[in-house]
C-alpha atoms as a PDB file:
ATOM      1  CA  MET A   1     -19.727  45.789  27.492  1.00  0.00           C
ATOM      2  CA  THR A   2     -18.470  46.381  24.026  1.00  0.00           C
ATOM      3  CA  LYS A   3     -20.972  46.626  21.221  1.00  0.00           C
ATOM      4  CA  ASN A   4     -19.385  44.621  18.393  1.00  0.00           C
ATOM      5  CA  THR A   5     -18.417  41.388  20.100  1.00  0.00           C
ATOM      6  CA  LYS A   6     -18.503  38.284  17.944  1.00  0.00           C
ATOM      7  CA  ILE A   7     -19.755  35.016  19.303  1.00  0.00           C
ATOM      8  CA  LYS A   8     -18.885  31.795  17.562  1.00  0.00           C
ATOM      9  CA  VAL A   9     -21.506  29.086  17.908  1.00  0.00           C
ATOM     10  CA  ILE A  10     -20.221  25.519  17.838  1.00  0.00           C
ATOM     11  CA  LYS A  11     -22.784  22.822  17.419  1.00  0.00           C
ATOM     12  CA  ARG A  12     -22.318  19.538  19.242  1.00  0.00           C
ATOM     13  CA  SER A  13     -22.058  17.529  16.051  1.00  0.00           C
ATOM     14  CA  ASP A  14     -19.319  19.823  14.730  1.00  0.00           C
ATOM     15  CA  ALA A  15     -17.324  19.526  17.951  1.00  0.00           C
ATOM     16  CA  THR A  16     -17.346  15.712  17.897  1.00  0.00           C
ATOM     17  CA  GLN A  17     -16.309  15.604  14.223  1.00  0.00           C
ATOM     18  CA  ALA A  18     -13.306  17.835  14.852  1.00  0.00           C
ATOM     19  CA  VAL A  19     -12.025  15.483  17.526  1.00  0.00           C
ATOM     20  CA  GLN A  20     -12.457  12.398  15.332  1.00  0.00           C
ATOM     21  CA  LEU A  21     -10.558  13.869  12.379  1.00  0.00           C
ATOM     22  CA  LYS A  22      -7.188  13.558  14.122  1.00  0.00           C
ATOM     23  CA  PRO A  23      -5.823  10.043  13.540  1.00  0.00           C
ATOM     24  CA  ALA A  24      -4.179   8.345  16.470  1.00  0.00           C
ATOM     25  CA  LYS A  25      -0.576   7.189  16.374  1.00  0.00           C
ATOM     26  CA  ALA A  26      -1.729   3.587  16.260  1.00  0.00           C
ATOM     27  CA  ASP A  27      -3.766   4.336  13.129  1.00  0.00           C
ATOM     28  CA  LYS A  28      -0.735   5.911  11.465  1.00  0.00           C
ATOM     29  CA  ARG A  29       1.406   2.927  12.392  1.00  0.00           C
ATOM     30  CA  ASN A  30      -1.160   0.480  11.045  1.00  0.00           C
ATOM     31  CA  ALA A  31      -1.429   2.430   7.804  1.00  0.00           C
ATOM     32  CA  ALA A  32       2.352   2.457   7.452  1.00  0.00           C
ATOM     33  CA  ARG A  33       2.520  -1.280   8.137  1.00  0.00           C
ATOM     34  CA  ASP A  34      -0.111  -1.915   5.490  1.00  0.00           C
ATOM     35  CA  MET A  35       1.836   0.097   2.935  1.00  0.00           C
ATOM     36  CA  VAL A  36       5.094  -1.672   3.761  1.00  0.00           C
ATOM     37  CA  SER A  37       3.394  -5.044   3.560  1.00  0.00           C
ATOM     38  CA  ASN A  38       1.861  -4.146   0.217  1.00  0.00           C
ATOM     39  CA  VAL A  39       5.194  -3.062  -1.271  1.00  0.00           C
ATOM     40  CA  LYS A  40       6.923  -6.182   0.074  1.00  0.00           C
ATOM     41  CA  ASN A  41       4.289  -8.323  -1.619  1.00  0.00           C
ATOM     42  CA  TRP A  42       4.834  -6.478  -4.898  1.00  0.00           C
ATOM     43  CA  VAL A  43       8.595  -7.005  -4.709  1.00  0.00           C
ATOM     44  CA  THR A  44       8.215 -10.687  -3.848  1.00  0.00           C
ATOM     45  CA  ASP A  45       5.751 -11.196  -6.690  1.00  0.00           C
ATOM     46  CA  PHE A  46       8.015  -9.398  -9.157  1.00  0.00           C
ATOM     47  CA  GLN A  47      11.049 -11.433  -8.097  1.00  0.00           C
ATOM     48  CA  SER A  48       9.214 -14.745  -8.321  1.00  0.00           C
ATOM     49  CA  ARG A  49       7.858 -13.937 -11.792  1.00  0.00           C
ATOM     50  CA  LYS A  50      11.305 -12.913 -12.976  1.00  0.00           C
ATOM     51  CA  ARG A  51      12.834 -16.121 -11.604  1.00  0.00           C
ATOM     52  CA  ASP A  52      10.182 -18.271 -13.253  1.00  0.00           C
ATOM     53  CA  GLU A  53      10.629 -16.530 -16.607  1.00  0.00           C
ATOM     54  CA  THR A  54      14.415 -16.840 -16.400  1.00  0.00           C
ATOM     55  CA  LYS A  55      14.193 -20.508 -15.478  1.00  0.00           C
ATOM     56  CA  ALA A  56      11.859 -21.227 -18.390  1.00  0.00           C
ATOM     57  CA  ALA A  57      14.110 -19.361 -20.833  1.00  0.00           C
ATOM     58  CA  ILE A  58      17.240 -21.188 -19.663  1.00  0.00           C
ATOM     59  CA  GLU A  59      15.515 -24.554 -19.894  1.00  0.00           C
ATOM     60  CA  LYS A  60      14.287 -23.727 -23.392  1.00  0.00           C
ATOM     61  CA  PHE A  61      17.738 -22.778 -24.668  1.00  0.00           C
ATOM     62  CA  LEU A  62      19.798 -25.404 -22.882  1.00  0.00           C
ATOM     63  CA  ILE A  63      17.743 -28.478 -23.656  1.00  0.00           C
ATOM     64  CA  LYS A  64      19.157 -30.116 -26.742  1.00  0.00           C
ATOM     65  CA  PRO A  65      16.549 -30.891 -29.363  1.00  0.00           C
ATOM     66  CA  GLN A  66      15.967 -34.534 -30.122  1.00  0.00           C
ATOM     67  CA  THR A  67      16.690 -35.774 -33.630  1.00  0.00           C
ATOM     68  CA  SER A  68      13.003 -36.339 -34.289  1.00  0.00           C
ATOM     69  CA  GLU A  69      12.177 -32.736 -33.407  1.00  0.00           C
ATOM     70  CA  VAL A  70      14.549 -31.212 -35.965  1.00  0.00           C
END
């Protein structure tokens, strides 16, 4: 036997944590789907707000004022 051999001790709790740290492919897919869904919601919200603002502005400028309002 050699004199200076090193032995690494791995505790049971450390071994189970190392296995759990690797995310599964399904977890990655779900995370990606959540991100895509989130961005789609942002885009939809932005587009709807822009449409509503544009519609309100057009209605404000195109409606002729009544004689009593002037």
